[in-house]
Amino acid sequence: MANEILFKRVTTKEEAEAFHRVKQLVWEESGYDMEYGREGSDLYIAYINGVPGGTVEFTPYLEFSRPLIRNLFDDVVRDDMKVMELDSFAVLPEYRRKLVGHEIVRFMIYYAQTHGYTHGVAITAPKVFKSLNDTYRIRCEKVKDPFWYKGDEVIPALMHLKEVYDHLDDKKYSWYKEPLELKEGAMAR
């Protein structure tokens, strides 16, 4: 039986607690120092068969990105780009290898297209950077040298998201499937 994966934007205190609980478990396992969702960000929980199992955070770059992110990317972000910061990408161990990370990447493209974001910026783990480029064929550029941050080496990456959603008919993006919109702000694969 396939897992049902729903994405729901965090709108209540209880959902925020579930979001941070999932993220904290994953980040502690990886040796990262915990960061909490920021004002102005859209926080999403990936529910797997009704249970919180993954998280992702989207932040409008110009309005709400942290000084660290602005220092890394201000010199590469151009006026013709609409940029979001991606953060809090986390999947609980029991849901890995069950396509949850894959669904989060698909949801990221859907979110970018729906909100008109042309690019994403993030500080990514090297294996995530490699996967975005090699598995998903999302063009990610390393914009600065890798550095140590909150427990791991990270790569400052600029993701060309519009290139993906403008060319979804290209067979290299055959992994993409638009989520179904459900009542109460949830999306399903």
C-alpha atoms as a PDB file:
ATOM      1  CA  MET A   1       0.000   0.000   0.000  1.00  0.00           C
ATOM      2  CA  ALA A   2       1.355   3.444  -0.931  1.00  0.00           C
ATOM      3  CA  ASN A   3       1.828   6.074   1.711  1.00  0.00           C
ATOM      4  CA  GLU A   4      -0.578   8.996   1.624  1.00  0.00           C
ATOM      5  CA  ILE A   5       1.490  12.175   1.869  1.00  0.00           C
ATOM      6  CA  LEU A   6      -0.279  15.462   2.596  1.00  0.00           C
ATOM      7  CA  PHE A   7       1.342  18.889   2.958  1.00  0.00           C
ATOM      8  CA  LYS A   8      -0.329  21.345   5.274  1.00  0.00           C
ATOM      9  CA  ARG A   9       0.714  24.883   6.065  1.00  0.00           C
ATOM     10  CA  VAL A  10       1.220  25.456   9.783  1.00  0.00           C
ATOM     11  CA  THR A  11      -1.557  27.710  11.083  1.00  0.00           C
ATOM     12  CA  THR A  12      -2.025  26.691  14.737  1.00  0.00           C
ATOM     13  CA  LYS A  13       0.136  26.488  17.831  1.00  0.00           C
ATOM     14  CA  GLU A  14      -0.273  22.687  17.857  1.00  0.00           C
ATOM     15  CA  GLU A  15       0.895  22.448  14.229  1.00  0.00           C
ATOM     16  CA  ALA A  16       3.889  24.699  15.005  1.00  0.00           C
ATOM     17  CA  GLU A  17       4.817  22.403  17.890  1.00  0.00           C
ATOM     18  CA  ALA A  18       4.552  19.332  15.610  1.00  0.00           C
ATOM     19  CA  PHE A  19       6.661  21.077  12.939  1.00  0.00           C
ATOM     20  CA  HIS A  20       9.410  21.950  15.408  1.00  0.00           C
ATOM     21  CA  ARG A  21       9.289  18.500  17.054  1.00  0.00           C
ATOM     22  CA  VAL A  22       9.918  16.770  13.686  1.00  0.00           C
ATOM     23  CA  LYS A  23      12.614  19.236  12.692  1.00  0.00           C
ATOM     24  CA  GLN A  24      14.357  19.024  16.068  1.00  0.00           C
ATOM     25  CA  LEU A  25      14.460  15.204  16.010  1.00  0.00           C
ATOM     26  CA  VAL A  26      15.994  15.189  12.533  1.00  0.00           C
ATOM     27  CA  TRP A  27      18.422  18.019  13.199  1.00  0.00           C
ATOM     28  CA  GLU A  28      19.615  16.558  16.513  1.00  0.00           C
ATOM     29  CA  GLU A  29      20.157  13.180  14.815  1.00  0.00           C
ATOM     30  CA  SER A  30      22.295  14.960  12.210  1.00  0.00           C
ATOM     31  CA  GLY A  31      24.212  16.930  14.835  1.00  0.00           C
ATOM     32  CA  TYR A  32      22.733  20.300  13.824  1.00  0.00           C
ATOM     33  CA  ASP A  33      21.865  23.094  16.225  1.00  0.00           C
ATOM     34  CA  MET A  34      18.110  23.739  16.199  1.00  0.00           C
ATOM     35  CA  GLU A  35      16.600  26.836  14.595  1.00  0.00           C
ATOM     36  CA  TYR A  36      12.931  27.703  14.843  1.00  0.00           C
ATOM     37  CA  GLY A  37      10.647  28.923  12.057  1.00  0.00           C
ATOM     38  CA  ARG A  38      10.797  32.633  11.420  1.00  0.00           C
ATOM     39  CA  GLU A  39       8.110  35.271  11.172  1.00  0.00           C
ATOM     40  CA  GLY A  40       7.144  35.780   7.546  1.00  0.00           C
ATOM     41  CA  SER A  41       7.907  32.166   6.611  1.00  0.00           C
ATOM     42  CA  ASP A  42       5.442  29.559   5.403  1.00  0.00           C
ATOM     43  CA  LEU A  43       6.042  26.405   7.414  1.00  0.00           C
ATOM     44  CA  TYR A  44       4.704  23.117   6.021  1.00  0.00           C
ATOM     45  CA  ILE A  45       4.365  19.708   7.609  1.00  0.00           C
ATOM     46  CA  ALA A  46       4.418  16.575   5.457  1.00  0.00           C
ATOM     47  CA  TYR A  47       1.890  14.200   7.013  1.00  0.00           C
ATOM     48  CA  ILE A  48       2.501  10.557   6.132  1.00  0.00           C
ATOM     49  CA  ASN A  49      -0.672   8.532   6.613  1.00  0.00           C
ATOM     50  CA  GLY A  50      -1.876  11.266   8.994  1.00  0.00           C
ATOM     51  CA  VAL A  51       1.343  11.451  11.063  1.00  0.00           C
ATOM     52  CA  PRO A  52       3.795  14.400  10.936  1.00  0.00           C
ATOM     53  CA  GLY A  53       6.904  13.008   9.237  1.00  0.00           C
ATOM     54  CA  GLY A  54       8.625  15.844   7.394  1.00  0.00           C
ATOM     55  CA  THR A  55       9.005  19.619   7.260  1.00  0.00           C
ATOM     56  CA  VAL A  56       9.943  22.404   4.868  1.00  0.00           C
ATOM     57  CA  GLU A  57      10.043  26.208   5.280  1.00  0.00           C
ATOM     58  CA  PHE A  58       9.737  28.879   2.571  1.00  0.00           C
ATOM     59  CA  THR A  59      10.771  32.462   3.341  1.00  0.00           C
ATOM     60  CA  PRO A  60      10.510  35.514   1.048  1.00  0.00           C
ATOM     61  CA  TYR A  61      14.173  36.437   0.545  1.00  0.00           C
ATOM     62  CA  LEU A  62      14.066  40.227   0.449  1.00  0.00           C
ATOM     63  CA  GLU A  63      11.597  40.652   3.285  1.00  0.00           C
ATOM     64  CA  PHE A  64      12.520  38.048   5.884  1.00  0.00           C
ATOM     65  CA  SER A  65      15.801  36.234   5.195  1.00  0.00           C
ATOM     66  CA  ARG A  66      18.361  36.173   7.978  1.00  0.00           C
ATOM     67  CA  PRO A  67      21.497  38.358   7.783  1.00  0.00           C
ATOM     68  CA  LEU A  68      23.644  35.234   7.231  1.00  0.00           C
ATOM     69  CA  ILE A  69      21.644  34.327   4.113  1.00  0.00           C
ATOM     70  CA  ARG A  70      21.600  37.926   2.862  1.00  0.00           C
ATOM     71  CA  ASN A  71      25.407  38.126   3.276  1.00  0.00           C
ATOM     72  CA  LEU A  72      25.828  34.937   1.246  1.00  0.00           C
ATOM     73  CA  PHE A  73      23.434  35.741  -1.581  1.00  0.00           C
ATOM     74  CA  ASP A  74      22.958  39.509  -1.952  1.00  0.00           C
ATOM     75  CA  ASP A  75      25.759  39.689  -4.519  1.00  0.00           C
ATOM     76  CA  VAL A  76      24.174  36.986  -6.743  1.00  0.00           C
ATOM     77  CA  VAL A  77      20.486  37.889  -6.464  1.00  0.00           C
ATOM     78  CA  ARG A  78      19.464  40.182  -9.321  1.00  0.00           C
ATOM     79  CA  ASP A  79      16.507  42.549  -9.611  1.00  0.00           C
ATOM     80  CA  ASP A  80      14.833  40.292 -12.199  1.00  0.00           C
ATOM     81  CA  MET A  81      14.686  37.376  -9.723  1.00  0.00           C
ATOM     82  CA  LYS A  82      11.924  36.642  -7.238  1.00  0.00           C
ATOM     83  CA  VAL A  83      13.700  34.596  -4.594  1.00  0.00           C
ATOM     84  CA  MET A  84      12.633  32.428  -1.685  1.00  0.00           C
ATOM     85  CA  GLU A  85      14.843  30.959   0.989  1.00  0.00           C
ATOM     86  CA  LEU A  86      14.397  27.240   1.619  1.00  0.00           C
ATOM     87  CA  ASP A  87      15.023  25.868   5.080  1.00  0.00           C
ATOM     88  CA  SER A  88      13.891  23.233   7.567  1.00  0.00           C
ATOM     89  CA  PHE A  89      14.006  20.373   5.046  1.00  0.00           C
ATOM     90  CA  ALA A  90      13.629  17.398   7.387  1.00  0.00           C
ATOM     91  CA  VAL A  91      12.315  13.821   7.132  1.00  0.00           C
ATOM     92  CA  LEU A  92      12.032  11.498  10.141  1.00  0.00           C
ATOM     93  CA  PRO A  93      14.173   8.348   9.818  1.00  0.00           C
ATOM     94  CA  GLU A  94      11.188   5.981   9.617  1.00  0.00           C
ATOM     95  CA  TYR A  95       9.891   7.823   6.518  1.00  0.00           C
ATOM     96  CA  ARG A  96      13.122   7.993   4.577  1.00  0.00           C
ATOM     97  CA  ARG A  97      13.227   5.795   1.492  1.00  0.00           C
ATOM     98  CA  LYS A  98       9.442   6.156   1.310  1.00  0.00           C
ATOM     99  CA  LEU A  99       9.583   9.043  -1.191  1.00  0.00           C
ATOM    100  CA  VAL A 100       8.902  11.744   1.418  1.00  0.00           C
ATOM    101  CA  GLY A 101      12.033  13.716   0.449  1.00  0.00           C
ATOM    102  CA  HIS A 102      11.015  13.297  -3.194  1.00  0.00           C
ATOM    103  CA  GLU A 103       7.558  14.686  -2.397  1.00  0.00           C
ATOM    104  CA  ILE A 104       9.096  17.667  -0.582  1.00  0.00           C
ATOM    105  CA  VAL A 105      11.163  18.493  -3.699  1.00  0.00           C
ATOM    106  CA  ARG A 106       8.032  18.247  -5.874  1.00  0.00           C
ATOM    107  CA  PHE A 107       6.151  20.430  -3.412  1.00  0.00           C
ATOM    108  CA  MET A 108       9.000  22.989  -3.500  1.00  0.00           C
ATOM    109  CA  ILE A 109       8.592  23.324  -7.288  1.00  0.00           C
ATOM    110  CA  TYR A 110       4.815  23.607  -6.953  1.00  0.00           C
ATOM    111  CA  TYR A 111       5.161  26.252  -4.220  1.00  0.00           C
ATOM    112  CA  ALA A 112       7.667  28.262  -6.286  1.00  0.00           C
ATOM    113  CA  GLN A 113       5.445  28.202  -9.372  1.00  0.00           C
ATOM    114  CA  THR A 114       2.266  29.017  -7.432  1.00  0.00           C
ATOM    115  CA  HIS A 115       3.907  32.001  -5.713  1.00  0.00           C
ATOM    116  CA  GLY A 116       5.935  33.180  -8.724  1.00  0.00           C
ATOM    117  CA  TYR A 117       9.368  32.475  -7.235  1.00  0.00           C
ATOM    118  CA  THR A 118      12.000  32.150  -9.951  1.00  0.00           C
ATOM    119  CA  HIS A 119      14.851  31.056  -7.687  1.00  0.00           C
ATOM    120  CA  GLY A 120      15.530  29.529  -4.322  1.00  0.00           C
ATOM    121  CA  VAL A 121      18.497  30.015  -2.037  1.00  0.00           C
ATOM    122  CA  ALA A 122      19.638  27.674   0.699  1.00  0.00           C
ATOM    123  CA  ILE A 123      22.618  26.424   2.578  1.00  0.00           C
ATOM    124  CA  THR A 124      22.471  22.729   1.721  1.00  0.00           C
ATOM    125  CA  ALA A 125      24.208  19.583   2.864  1.00  0.00           C
ATOM    126  CA  PRO A 126      26.514  18.322   0.097  1.00  0.00           C
ATOM    127  CA  LYS A 127      24.362  15.219  -0.537  1.00  0.00           C
ATOM    128  CA  VAL A 128      21.215  17.362  -0.923  1.00  0.00           C
ATOM    129  CA  PHE A 129      23.061  19.667  -3.329  1.00  0.00           C
ATOM    130  CA  LYS A 130      24.192  16.656  -5.369  1.00  0.00           C
ATOM    131  CA  SER A 131      20.707  15.109  -5.358  1.00  0.00           C
ATOM    132  CA  LEU A 132      19.017  18.315  -6.523  1.00  0.00           C
ATOM    133  CA  ASN A 133      21.463  18.576  -9.431  1.00  0.00           C
ATOM    134  CA  ASP A 134      21.872  14.909 -10.367  1.00  0.00           C
ATOM    135  CA  THR A 135      18.587  13.212  -9.422  1.00  0.00           C
ATOM    136  CA  TYR A 136      16.084  16.026  -9.967  1.00  0.00           C
ATOM    137  CA  ARG A 137      18.071  17.931 -12.592  1.00  0.00           C
ATOM    138  CA  ILE A 138      17.346  21.228 -10.814  1.00  0.00           C
ATOM    139  CA  ARG A 139      20.212  23.524 -11.710  1.00  0.00           C
ATOM    140  CA  CYS A 140      21.847  24.490  -8.415  1.00  0.00           C
ATOM    141  CA  GLU A 141      24.880  26.720  -8.407  1.00  0.00           C
ATOM    142  CA  LYS A 142      27.413  26.799  -5.616  1.00  0.00           C
ATOM    143  CA  VAL A 143      27.747  30.560  -5.055  1.00  0.00           C
ATOM    144  CA  LYS A 144      30.384  30.498  -2.303  1.00  0.00           C
ATOM    145  CA  ASP A 145      32.822  27.976  -0.889  1.00  0.00           C
ATOM    146  CA  PRO A 146      31.363  25.377   1.484  1.00  0.00           C
ATOM    147  CA  PHE A 147      31.652  26.222   5.174  1.00  0.00           C
ATOM    148  CA  TRP A 148      30.887  24.712   8.571  1.00  0.00           C
ATOM    149  CA  TYR A 149      27.483  25.738   9.944  1.00  0.00           C
ATOM    150  CA  LYS A 150      25.518  24.426  12.931  1.00  0.00           C
ATOM    151  CA  GLY A 151      27.099  20.990  12.899  1.00  0.00           C
ATOM    152  CA  ASP A 152      27.906  20.193   9.256  1.00  0.00           C
ATOM    153  CA  GLU A 153      29.553  21.438   6.098  1.00  0.00           C
ATOM    154  CA  VAL A 154      27.063  23.324   3.918  1.00  0.00           C
ATOM    155  CA  ILE A 155      27.040  24.646   0.373  1.00  0.00           C
ATOM    156  CA  PRO A 156      25.473  28.050  -0.359  1.00  0.00           C
ATOM    157  CA  ALA A 157      23.242  27.177  -3.340  1.00  0.00           C
ATOM    158  CA  LEU A 158      21.191  29.187  -5.821  1.00  0.00           C
ATOM    159  CA  MET A 159      18.420  27.026  -7.328  1.00  0.00           C
ATOM    160  CA  HIS A 160      16.944  27.867 -10.733  1.00  0.00           C
ATOM    161  CA  LEU A 161      13.336  26.855 -10.038  1.00  0.00           C
ATOM    162  CA  LYS A 162      11.625  28.661 -12.923  1.00  0.00           C
ATOM    163  CA  GLU A 163      13.753  26.634 -15.347  1.00  0.00           C
ATOM    164  CA  VAL A 164      12.013  23.549 -13.965  1.00  0.00           C
ATOM    165  CA  TYR A 165       8.396  24.687 -13.866  1.00  0.00           C
ATOM    166  CA  ASP A 166       8.663  26.410 -17.260  1.00  0.00           C
ATOM    167  CA  HIS A 167       9.844  23.126 -18.827  1.00  0.00           C
ATOM    168  CA  LEU A 168       7.797  20.450 -17.079  1.00  0.00           C
ATOM    169  CA  ASP A 169       7.187  18.795 -20.454  1.00  0.00           C
ATOM    170  CA  ASP A 170      10.928  17.979 -20.664  1.00  0.00           C
ATOM    171  CA  LYS A 171      11.407  14.288 -19.850  1.00  0.00           C
ATOM    172  CA  LYS A 172      14.197  15.109 -17.382  1.00  0.00           C
ATOM    173  CA  TYR A 173      11.430  16.480 -15.118  1.00  0.00           C
ATOM    174  CA  SER A 174       9.201  13.416 -15.432  1.00  0.00           C
ATOM    175  CA  TRP A 175       9.542  13.002 -11.648  1.00  0.00           C
ATOM    176  CA  TYR A 176       7.284  16.054 -11.159  1.00  0.00           C
ATOM    177  CA  LYS A 177       3.579  15.680 -10.490  1.00  0.00           C
ATOM    178  CA  GLU A 178       1.446  18.584  -9.309  1.00  0.00           C
ATOM    179  CA  PRO A 179      -0.130  17.970  -5.902  1.00  0.00           C
ATOM    180  CA  LEU A 180      -3.881  17.868  -5.504  1.00  0.00           C
ATOM    181  CA  GLU A 181      -5.323  20.728  -3.497  1.00  0.00           C
ATOM    182  CA  LEU A 182      -7.541  19.587  -0.670  1.00  0.00           C
ATOM    183  CA  LYS A 183      -9.777  21.465   1.770  1.00  0.00           C
ATOM    184  CA  GLU A 184      -8.219  23.214   4.781  1.00  0.00           C
ATOM    185  CA  GLY A 185      -5.040  24.204   2.922  1.00  0.00           C
ATOM    186  CA  ALA A 186      -3.654  20.684   2.513  1.00  0.00           C
ATOM    187  CA  MET A 187      -2.003  19.316  -0.640  1.00  0.00           C
ATOM    188  CA  ALA A 188      -1.662  15.656  -1.567  1.00  0.00           C
ATOM    189  CA  ARG A 189       0.610  13.821  -3.953  1.00  0.00           C
END
